[in-house]
N, C-alpha and C. Protein backbone atom coordinates (compact mmCIF):
# COMPACT_ATOMS: atom_id res chain seq x y z
N MET A 1 0.82 -1.20 0.00
CA MET A 1 0.00 0.00 0.00
C MET A 1 0.86 1.26 0.00
N ARG A 2 1.94 1.25 0.80
CA ARG A 2 2.82 2.40 0.89
C ARG A 2 3.48 2.70 -0.46
N ILE A 3 3.89 1.66 -1.18
CA ILE A 3 4.54 1.82 -2.48
C ILE A 3 3.55 2.42 -3.47
N LYS A 4 2.30 1.96 -3.45
CA LYS A 4 1.28 2.46 -4.36
C LYS A 4 1.02 3.94 -4.11
N VAL A 5 0.94 4.35 -2.84
CA VAL A 5 0.72 5.76 -2.49
C VAL A 5 1.91 6.61 -2.95
N ALA A 6 3.14 6.13 -2.73
CA ALA A 6 4.33 6.86 -3.15
C ALA A 6 4.37 6.99 -4.66
N PHE A 7 4.00 5.94 -5.37
CA PHE A 7 4.00 5.96 -6.83
C PHE A 7 2.99 7.00 -7.35
N ILE A 8 1.80 6.99 -6.79
CA ILE A 8 0.76 7.94 -7.20
C ILE A 8 1.18 9.36 -6.86
N ALA A 9 1.79 9.58 -5.72
CA ALA A 9 2.27 10.91 -5.34
C ALA A 9 3.34 11.38 -6.32
N GLY A 10 4.20 10.47 -6.74
CA GLY A 10 5.24 10.82 -7.73
C GLY A 10 4.64 11.22 -9.06
N LEU A 11 3.60 10.49 -9.49
CA LEU A 11 2.93 10.84 -10.75
C LEU A 11 2.26 12.20 -10.68
N VAL A 12 1.62 12.50 -9.56
CA VAL A 12 0.97 13.80 -9.38
C VAL A 12 2.02 14.92 -9.41
N THR A 13 3.15 14.71 -8.73
CA THR A 13 4.22 15.71 -8.73
C THR A 13 4.75 15.92 -10.14
N LEU A 14 4.97 14.86 -10.89
CA LEU A 14 5.47 14.95 -12.25
C LEU A 14 4.47 15.68 -13.14
N ALA A 15 3.20 15.38 -13.02
CA ALA A 15 2.16 16.03 -13.82
C ALA A 15 2.10 17.52 -13.51
N CYS A 16 2.19 17.89 -12.23
CA CYS A 16 2.15 19.30 -11.84
C CYS A 16 3.38 20.04 -12.35
N ALA A 17 4.54 19.42 -12.29
CA ALA A 17 5.78 20.05 -12.76
C ALA A 17 5.72 20.28 -14.26
N SER A 18 5.19 19.33 -15.01
CA SER A 18 5.18 19.50 -16.46
C SER A 18 4.17 20.55 -16.89
N THR A 19 3.07 20.73 -16.17
CA THR A 19 2.11 21.77 -16.54
C THR A 19 2.60 23.14 -16.10
N ALA A 20 3.48 23.21 -15.12
CA ALA A 20 4.00 24.49 -14.66
C ALA A 20 5.04 25.06 -15.61
N MET A 21 5.70 24.22 -16.40
CA MET A 21 6.71 24.69 -17.33
C MET A 21 6.02 25.28 -18.56
N ALA A 22 6.35 26.52 -18.87
CA ALA A 22 5.75 27.17 -20.03
C ALA A 22 6.55 26.85 -21.28
N GLU A 23 5.86 26.77 -22.38
CA GLU A 23 6.53 26.52 -23.65
C GLU A 23 7.05 27.83 -24.23
N MET A 24 8.13 27.74 -24.97
CA MET A 24 8.69 28.89 -25.66
C MET A 24 7.62 29.46 -26.59
N SER A 25 7.52 30.78 -26.64
CA SER A 25 6.55 31.40 -27.54
C SER A 25 7.20 32.56 -28.28
N VAL A 26 6.62 32.88 -29.43
CA VAL A 26 7.16 33.91 -30.31
C VAL A 26 6.05 34.87 -30.72
N LYS A 27 6.36 36.15 -30.67
CA LYS A 27 5.43 37.18 -31.13
C LYS A 27 6.14 38.04 -32.16
N LEU A 28 5.52 38.20 -33.33
CA LEU A 28 6.07 39.04 -34.38
C LEU A 28 5.86 40.51 -34.06
N GLY A 29 6.75 41.36 -34.58
CA GLY A 29 6.63 42.81 -34.43
C GLY A 29 6.84 43.48 -35.77
N GLY A 30 6.98 44.80 -35.75
CA GLY A 30 7.32 45.56 -36.94
C GLY A 30 6.31 45.49 -38.07
N GLY A 31 5.02 45.34 -37.75
CA GLY A 31 3.99 45.29 -38.78
C GLY A 31 3.71 43.90 -39.34
N TRP A 32 4.49 42.90 -38.92
CA TRP A 32 4.23 41.52 -39.35
C TRP A 32 3.11 40.97 -38.47
N ASP A 33 2.04 40.48 -39.10
CA ASP A 33 0.90 39.97 -38.33
C ASP A 33 0.67 38.47 -38.50
N GLY A 34 1.52 37.80 -39.29
CA GLY A 34 1.35 36.37 -39.52
C GLY A 34 0.34 36.04 -40.59
N LYS A 35 -0.34 37.06 -41.11
CA LYS A 35 -1.36 36.82 -42.14
C LYS A 35 -0.90 37.29 -43.51
N LYS A 36 -0.31 38.49 -43.56
CA LYS A 36 0.14 39.07 -44.82
C LYS A 36 1.51 39.68 -44.62
N VAL A 37 2.43 39.43 -45.57
CA VAL A 37 3.75 40.04 -45.51
C VAL A 37 3.56 41.55 -45.70
N PRO A 38 4.11 42.36 -44.80
CA PRO A 38 3.93 43.81 -44.91
C PRO A 38 4.50 44.37 -46.23
N ALA A 39 3.88 45.41 -46.72
CA ALA A 39 4.35 46.08 -47.93
C ALA A 39 5.81 46.47 -47.77
N GLY A 40 6.60 46.22 -48.82
CA GLY A 40 8.02 46.57 -48.82
C GLY A 40 8.92 45.50 -48.25
N GLN A 41 8.36 44.46 -47.63
CA GLN A 41 9.18 43.42 -47.01
C GLN A 41 9.47 42.26 -47.95
N GLN A 42 9.11 42.40 -49.22
CA GLN A 42 9.45 41.39 -50.21
C GLN A 42 10.86 41.66 -50.75
N CYS A 43 11.35 40.74 -51.56
CA CYS A 43 12.70 40.86 -52.12
C CYS A 43 12.78 42.02 -53.13
N SER A 44 13.99 42.44 -53.42
CA SER A 44 14.22 43.56 -54.34
C SER A 44 13.77 43.25 -55.76
N LEU A 45 13.74 41.98 -56.15
CA LEU A 45 13.27 41.62 -57.49
C LEU A 45 11.80 41.98 -57.70
N HIS A 46 11.09 42.18 -56.61
CA HIS A 46 9.67 42.54 -56.68
C HIS A 46 9.41 43.88 -56.01
N GLY A 47 10.43 44.75 -56.03
CA GLY A 47 10.25 46.12 -55.57
C GLY A 47 10.37 46.36 -54.08
N GLY A 48 10.82 45.39 -53.33
CA GLY A 48 10.93 45.57 -51.88
C GLY A 48 12.37 45.72 -51.42
N ASN A 49 12.52 45.86 -50.14
CA ASN A 49 13.81 45.94 -49.48
C ASN A 49 13.68 45.19 -48.16
N GLY A 50 13.28 43.92 -48.23
CA GLY A 50 12.87 43.15 -47.08
C GLY A 50 13.94 42.85 -46.05
N SER A 51 13.49 42.81 -44.81
CA SER A 51 14.29 42.40 -43.65
C SER A 51 13.54 41.31 -42.92
N THR A 52 14.24 40.62 -42.03
CA THR A 52 13.57 39.62 -41.21
C THR A 52 12.57 40.32 -40.30
N PRO A 53 11.49 39.66 -39.94
CA PRO A 53 10.57 40.27 -38.99
C PRO A 53 11.19 40.31 -37.59
N PRO A 54 11.05 41.43 -36.87
CA PRO A 54 11.50 41.42 -35.48
C PRO A 54 10.59 40.47 -34.68
N MET A 55 11.18 39.81 -33.69
CA MET A 55 10.43 38.84 -32.89
C MET A 55 10.75 39.00 -31.42
N LYS A 56 9.77 38.74 -30.58
CA LYS A 56 9.95 38.65 -29.14
C LYS A 56 9.78 37.18 -28.79
N VAL A 57 10.83 36.57 -28.25
CA VAL A 57 10.78 35.15 -27.88
C VAL A 57 10.80 35.08 -26.36
N THR A 58 9.82 34.39 -25.79
CA THR A 58 9.73 34.27 -24.33
C THR A 58 9.75 32.80 -23.92
N ASN A 59 10.00 32.59 -22.64
CA ASN A 59 10.06 31.25 -22.05
C ASN A 59 11.15 30.39 -22.68
N LEU A 60 12.31 30.98 -22.90
CA LEU A 60 13.44 30.22 -23.42
C LEU A 60 13.92 29.22 -22.37
N PRO A 61 14.31 28.02 -22.78
CA PRO A 61 14.88 27.07 -21.82
C PRO A 61 16.14 27.66 -21.17
N LYS A 62 16.43 27.23 -19.95
CA LYS A 62 17.52 27.80 -19.16
C LYS A 62 18.89 27.81 -19.84
N ALA A 63 19.27 26.79 -20.54
CA ALA A 63 20.62 26.71 -21.10
C ALA A 63 20.74 27.36 -22.49
N THR A 64 19.72 28.10 -22.92
CA THR A 64 19.75 28.70 -24.25
C THR A 64 20.88 29.72 -24.37
N ALA A 65 21.71 29.55 -25.40
CA ALA A 65 22.79 30.50 -25.70
C ALA A 65 22.52 31.24 -27.01
N TRP A 66 21.77 30.60 -27.90
CA TRP A 66 21.46 31.15 -29.21
C TRP A 66 20.00 30.89 -29.54
N VAL A 67 19.42 31.76 -30.34
CA VAL A 67 18.15 31.49 -30.99
C VAL A 67 18.43 31.50 -32.48
N TYR A 68 18.15 30.37 -33.13
CA TYR A 68 18.28 30.25 -34.58
C TYR A 68 16.89 30.37 -35.18
N VAL A 69 16.78 31.15 -36.25
CA VAL A 69 15.50 31.29 -36.95
C VAL A 69 15.70 30.82 -38.39
N GLU A 70 14.95 29.78 -38.75
CA GLU A 70 14.97 29.21 -40.10
C GLU A 70 13.77 29.77 -40.86
N TYR A 71 14.03 30.46 -41.96
CA TYR A 71 12.97 31.07 -42.76
C TYR A 71 12.64 30.17 -43.95
N ASN A 72 11.34 29.98 -44.21
CA ASN A 72 10.90 29.03 -45.24
C ASN A 72 9.68 29.55 -46.00
N ASP A 73 9.48 28.99 -47.20
CA ASP A 73 8.32 29.25 -48.04
C ASP A 73 7.57 27.92 -48.19
N ARG A 74 6.47 27.79 -47.51
CA ARG A 74 5.71 26.54 -47.47
C ARG A 74 5.26 26.09 -48.87
N ASP A 75 5.08 27.02 -49.80
CA ASP A 75 4.52 26.70 -51.11
C ASP A 75 5.54 26.53 -52.22
N TYR A 76 6.81 26.72 -51.93
CA TYR A 76 7.86 26.49 -52.94
C TYR A 76 8.78 25.43 -52.38
N GLN A 77 8.56 24.18 -52.79
CA GLN A 77 9.19 23.01 -52.18
C GLN A 77 10.70 23.13 -51.98
N PRO A 78 11.49 23.62 -52.94
CA PRO A 78 12.93 23.67 -52.70
C PRO A 78 13.34 24.56 -51.52
N LEU A 79 12.49 25.51 -51.15
CA LEU A 79 12.83 26.43 -50.04
C LEU A 79 11.83 26.31 -48.89
N SER A 80 11.19 25.15 -48.77
CA SER A 80 10.10 24.98 -47.81
C SER A 80 10.52 24.35 -46.48
N TYR A 81 11.81 24.07 -46.31
CA TYR A 81 12.24 23.37 -45.10
C TYR A 81 13.68 23.75 -44.74
N LYS A 82 14.04 23.54 -43.48
CA LYS A 82 15.39 23.73 -42.96
C LYS A 82 16.05 25.03 -43.40
N GLY A 83 15.29 26.12 -43.35
CA GLY A 83 15.86 27.42 -43.67
C GLY A 83 16.11 27.65 -45.14
N GLY A 84 15.17 27.29 -45.98
CA GLY A 84 15.31 27.52 -47.42
C GLY A 84 15.58 28.97 -47.76
N HIS A 85 15.04 29.88 -46.96
CA HIS A 85 15.25 31.32 -47.16
C HIS A 85 16.35 31.85 -46.24
N GLY A 86 17.11 30.95 -45.64
CA GLY A 86 18.23 31.33 -44.78
C GLY A 86 17.97 31.05 -43.31
N VAL A 87 19.06 30.96 -42.56
CA VAL A 87 18.99 30.76 -41.10
C VAL A 87 19.84 31.84 -40.45
N ILE A 88 19.22 32.59 -39.55
CA ILE A 88 19.92 33.66 -38.83
C ILE A 88 19.99 33.27 -37.36
N GLY A 89 21.16 33.48 -36.74
CA GLY A 89 21.36 33.17 -35.33
C GLY A 89 21.56 34.44 -34.51
N TYR A 90 20.96 34.46 -33.33
CA TYR A 90 21.08 35.57 -32.40
C TYR A 90 21.60 35.05 -31.06
N PRO A 91 22.70 35.60 -30.54
CA PRO A 91 23.13 35.20 -29.20
C PRO A 91 22.14 35.77 -28.17
N VAL A 92 21.82 34.99 -27.14
CA VAL A 92 20.85 35.44 -26.14
C VAL A 92 21.33 35.10 -24.73
N LYS A 93 20.78 35.83 -23.77
CA LYS A 93 21.00 35.58 -22.35
C LYS A 93 19.66 35.76 -21.65
N GLY A 94 19.35 34.85 -20.76
CA GLY A 94 18.12 34.98 -20.00
C GLY A 94 16.96 34.22 -20.61
N GLY A 95 15.78 34.46 -20.05
CA GLY A 95 14.59 33.71 -20.42
C GLY A 95 13.80 34.27 -21.58
N SER A 96 14.20 35.46 -22.08
CA SER A 96 13.50 36.03 -23.23
C SER A 96 14.51 36.78 -24.10
N ALA A 97 14.11 37.05 -25.33
CA ALA A 97 15.00 37.74 -26.26
C ALA A 97 14.19 38.55 -27.25
N ASP A 98 14.72 39.73 -27.57
CA ASP A 98 14.17 40.56 -28.63
C ASP A 98 15.07 40.37 -29.85
N LEU A 99 14.55 39.70 -30.86
CA LEU A 99 15.30 39.46 -32.08
C LEU A 99 15.00 40.60 -33.04
N TYR A 100 15.99 41.43 -33.29
CA TYR A 100 15.80 42.61 -34.13
C TYR A 100 15.82 42.21 -35.61
N ALA A 101 15.22 43.05 -36.44
CA ALA A 101 15.19 42.80 -37.88
C ALA A 101 16.60 42.97 -38.45
N VAL A 102 16.97 42.06 -39.36
CA VAL A 102 18.23 42.19 -40.09
C VAL A 102 17.92 42.21 -41.58
N ALA A 103 18.73 42.93 -42.32
CA ALA A 103 18.53 43.11 -43.76
C ALA A 103 18.62 41.80 -44.51
N GLY A 104 17.82 41.69 -45.55
CA GLY A 104 17.90 40.55 -46.44
C GLY A 104 18.98 40.75 -47.48
N MET A 105 19.34 39.68 -48.17
CA MET A 105 20.24 39.68 -49.32
C MET A 105 21.70 39.99 -48.97
N THR A 106 22.09 39.89 -47.70
CA THR A 106 23.46 40.20 -47.31
C THR A 106 23.91 39.30 -46.17
N ALA A 107 25.22 39.11 -46.07
CA ALA A 107 25.80 38.38 -44.95
C ALA A 107 26.28 39.34 -43.87
N LYS A 108 26.26 40.65 -44.16
CA LYS A 108 26.69 41.67 -43.20
C LYS A 108 25.48 42.10 -42.38
N LEU A 109 25.38 41.57 -41.16
CA LEU A 109 24.23 41.82 -40.32
C LEU A 109 24.59 42.77 -39.19
N LYS A 110 23.62 43.56 -38.76
CA LYS A 110 23.87 44.47 -37.65
C LYS A 110 23.90 43.69 -36.33
N GLY A 111 24.49 44.32 -35.33
CA GLY A 111 24.54 43.70 -34.02
C GLY A 111 25.36 42.42 -34.02
N ASN A 112 24.99 41.50 -33.15
CA ASN A 112 25.71 40.23 -33.01
C ASN A 112 25.04 39.08 -33.76
N ALA A 113 24.03 39.39 -34.54
CA ALA A 113 23.37 38.34 -35.33
C ALA A 113 24.35 37.83 -36.38
N LYS A 114 24.19 36.56 -36.76
CA LYS A 114 25.06 36.01 -37.80
C LYS A 114 24.28 35.07 -38.69
N VAL A 115 24.77 34.94 -39.91
CA VAL A 115 24.18 34.00 -40.86
C VAL A 115 24.67 32.61 -40.48
N ILE A 116 23.75 31.73 -40.12
CA ILE A 116 24.08 30.34 -39.83
C ILE A 116 24.17 29.57 -41.14
N SER A 117 23.20 29.80 -42.02
CA SER A 117 23.28 29.27 -43.39
C SER A 117 22.51 30.21 -44.31
N LYS A 118 23.08 30.43 -45.48
CA LYS A 118 22.45 31.34 -46.44
C LYS A 118 21.28 30.65 -47.13
N ALA A 119 20.43 31.45 -47.74
CA ALA A 119 19.29 30.93 -48.49
C ALA A 119 19.78 29.98 -49.58
N ARG A 120 18.98 28.97 -49.87
CA ARG A 120 19.36 27.98 -50.88
C ARG A 120 18.93 28.36 -52.30
N ALA A 121 18.38 29.54 -52.47
CA ALA A 121 17.92 29.98 -53.78
C ALA A 121 19.09 30.10 -54.75
N THR A 122 18.78 30.01 -56.04
CA THR A 122 19.81 30.07 -57.09
C THR A 122 19.46 31.16 -58.11
N GLY A 123 20.38 31.37 -59.04
CA GLY A 123 20.14 32.32 -60.12
C GLY A 123 19.97 33.73 -59.60
N GLN A 124 18.99 34.44 -60.13
CA GLN A 124 18.76 35.82 -59.74
C GLN A 124 18.27 35.96 -58.29
N TYR A 125 17.92 34.87 -57.66
CA TYR A 125 17.41 34.90 -56.29
C TYR A 125 18.49 34.64 -55.24
N VAL A 126 19.73 34.47 -55.65
CA VAL A 126 20.82 34.16 -54.72
C VAL A 126 20.94 35.24 -53.65
N SER A 127 21.10 34.80 -52.40
CA SER A 127 21.30 35.69 -51.27
C SER A 127 22.40 35.12 -50.39
N GLN A 128 23.23 35.97 -49.83
CA GLN A 128 24.29 35.53 -48.93
C GLN A 128 23.78 35.35 -47.50
N GLY A 129 22.52 35.63 -47.28
CA GLY A 129 21.91 35.49 -45.95
C GLY A 129 20.44 35.17 -46.11
N TYR A 130 19.61 36.03 -45.52
CA TYR A 130 18.16 35.88 -45.57
C TYR A 130 17.64 36.34 -46.92
N LEU A 131 16.78 35.53 -47.55
CA LEU A 131 16.08 35.90 -48.78
C LEU A 131 14.66 36.30 -48.38
N PRO A 132 14.31 37.58 -48.51
CA PRO A 132 12.94 38.00 -48.18
C PRO A 132 11.92 37.30 -49.09
N PRO A 133 10.64 37.32 -48.71
CA PRO A 133 9.62 36.71 -49.56
C PRO A 133 9.76 37.18 -51.00
N CYS A 134 9.76 36.23 -51.93
CA CYS A 134 10.10 36.56 -53.31
C CYS A 134 9.26 35.78 -54.31
N SER A 135 8.01 35.48 -53.96
CA SER A 135 7.15 34.68 -54.83
C SER A 135 6.42 35.51 -55.87
N GLY A 136 6.62 36.82 -55.86
CA GLY A 136 5.95 37.67 -56.84
C GLY A 136 4.49 37.91 -56.54
N GLY A 137 4.10 37.77 -55.28
CA GLY A 137 2.71 38.02 -54.90
C GLY A 137 1.76 36.90 -55.27
N ARG A 138 2.25 35.67 -55.33
CA ARG A 138 1.41 34.51 -55.68
C ARG A 138 0.69 33.92 -54.46
N ASN A 139 0.71 34.64 -53.36
CA ASN A 139 0.03 34.21 -52.14
C ASN A 139 0.73 33.05 -51.43
N ASN A 140 2.05 32.91 -51.66
CA ASN A 140 2.81 31.88 -50.96
C ASN A 140 2.80 32.14 -49.47
N ARG A 141 2.89 31.06 -48.69
CA ARG A 141 2.85 31.13 -47.23
C ARG A 141 4.27 31.02 -46.67
N TYR A 142 4.69 32.06 -45.97
CA TYR A 142 6.02 32.10 -45.37
C TYR A 142 5.92 31.86 -43.87
N PHE A 143 6.89 31.10 -43.35
CA PHE A 143 6.91 30.80 -41.92
C PHE A 143 8.35 30.67 -41.45
N ALA A 144 8.52 30.69 -40.15
CA ALA A 144 9.85 30.53 -39.56
C ALA A 144 9.79 29.46 -38.48
N VAL A 145 10.89 28.73 -38.36
CA VAL A 145 11.07 27.79 -37.26
C VAL A 145 12.07 28.44 -36.32
N VAL A 146 11.63 28.68 -35.09
CA VAL A 146 12.47 29.35 -34.10
C VAL A 146 12.98 28.28 -33.14
N LYS A 147 14.32 28.22 -33.00
CA LYS A 147 14.94 27.18 -32.19
C LYS A 147 15.78 27.78 -31.07
N ALA A 148 15.60 27.28 -29.86
CA ALA A 148 16.47 27.60 -28.74
C ALA A 148 17.61 26.60 -28.77
N VAL A 149 18.85 27.10 -28.80
CA VAL A 149 20.03 26.25 -28.98
C VAL A 149 21.01 26.51 -27.85
N ASP A 150 21.61 25.45 -27.29
CA ASP A 150 22.59 25.64 -26.22
C ASP A 150 23.97 25.90 -26.82
N ALA A 151 24.96 26.14 -25.96
CA ALA A 151 26.31 26.50 -26.40
C ALA A 151 26.98 25.41 -27.23
N SER A 152 26.55 24.16 -27.06
CA SER A 152 27.15 23.06 -27.83
C SER A 152 26.46 22.84 -29.18
N GLY A 153 25.37 23.59 -29.44
CA GLY A 153 24.65 23.44 -30.70
C GLY A 153 23.43 22.55 -30.61
N LYS A 154 23.12 22.04 -29.43
CA LYS A 154 21.97 21.16 -29.25
C LYS A 154 20.68 22.00 -29.22
N VAL A 155 19.68 21.56 -30.00
CA VAL A 155 18.38 22.22 -30.00
C VAL A 155 17.62 21.81 -28.74
N LEU A 156 17.26 22.81 -27.94
CA LEU A 156 16.56 22.56 -26.68
C LEU A 156 15.04 22.57 -26.85
N GLU A 157 14.58 23.44 -27.73
CA GLU A 157 13.14 23.56 -27.98
C GLU A 157 12.97 24.30 -29.30
N LYS A 158 11.85 24.05 -29.97
CA LYS A 158 11.56 24.78 -31.20
C LYS A 158 10.08 25.00 -31.34
N THR A 159 9.73 26.01 -32.11
CA THR A 159 8.34 26.34 -32.39
C THR A 159 8.25 27.02 -33.75
N ASN A 160 7.11 26.92 -34.38
CA ASN A 160 6.89 27.57 -35.68
C ASN A 160 6.12 28.85 -35.48
N VAL A 161 6.36 29.81 -36.37
CA VAL A 161 5.58 31.05 -36.38
C VAL A 161 5.28 31.40 -37.83
N GLU A 162 4.01 31.69 -38.10
CA GLU A 162 3.60 32.09 -39.44
C GLU A 162 4.01 33.54 -39.66
N MET A 163 4.64 33.81 -40.81
CA MET A 163 5.05 35.17 -41.15
C MET A 163 3.99 35.87 -42.00
N GLY A 164 3.30 35.11 -42.83
CA GLY A 164 2.25 35.68 -43.65
C GLY A 164 2.37 35.26 -45.10
N ARG A 165 1.41 35.70 -45.89
CA ARG A 165 1.35 35.37 -47.32
C ARG A 165 1.88 36.53 -48.15
N TYR A 166 2.55 36.16 -49.24
CA TYR A 166 2.97 37.17 -50.22
C TYR A 166 2.75 36.57 -51.61
C-alpha cells in the first residue's frame, strides 16, 4: 500500500511540474501579423527591401545560448524546409530575447546576429543570408522555425511562427 501511495504521489508531482513549465513562444513585431507580408518586405526583385521580422521570444529554456531562426516558403518546395530562405542566429541571455530585424540579401548583419546558413535559392534569387519573400505576390505562405540552442549546438526547444502570405 505504501509503495502504491508513493507511486501515485510521484505521478501527481510529475504532472504538476510538467504543466508548470511554459513553452517557448514567439510574437512578431514591426507590422508583421502572420497573415500578410507587410508592404516593402518582399525581395528587391519585386520592388521591396525586405528584412527579417522582429520577434519577441519568451520562455526560453535555461541553457539557451542562441536562438536560430529558419525562414521558409511553405509553397515552394525547394525552399520549404530547414531554412530555405536562410537561417539567422542571435546570441541570447536569460529567459527572453528581442530578435531585431536584419537586412535581407546580405551576410553583413547588424549587431551580433550572424548568418548560420544562407538561403538555398539560385540564379537571380541568390542571397548571402536571408532571402525576403520573393514569390511575386502569388500568395505563398512564409513561416519561420524558431529554435532555442545551447552553447554546444543542441536544439533545446523549437516552435513555428507564421510570417504571412505574399
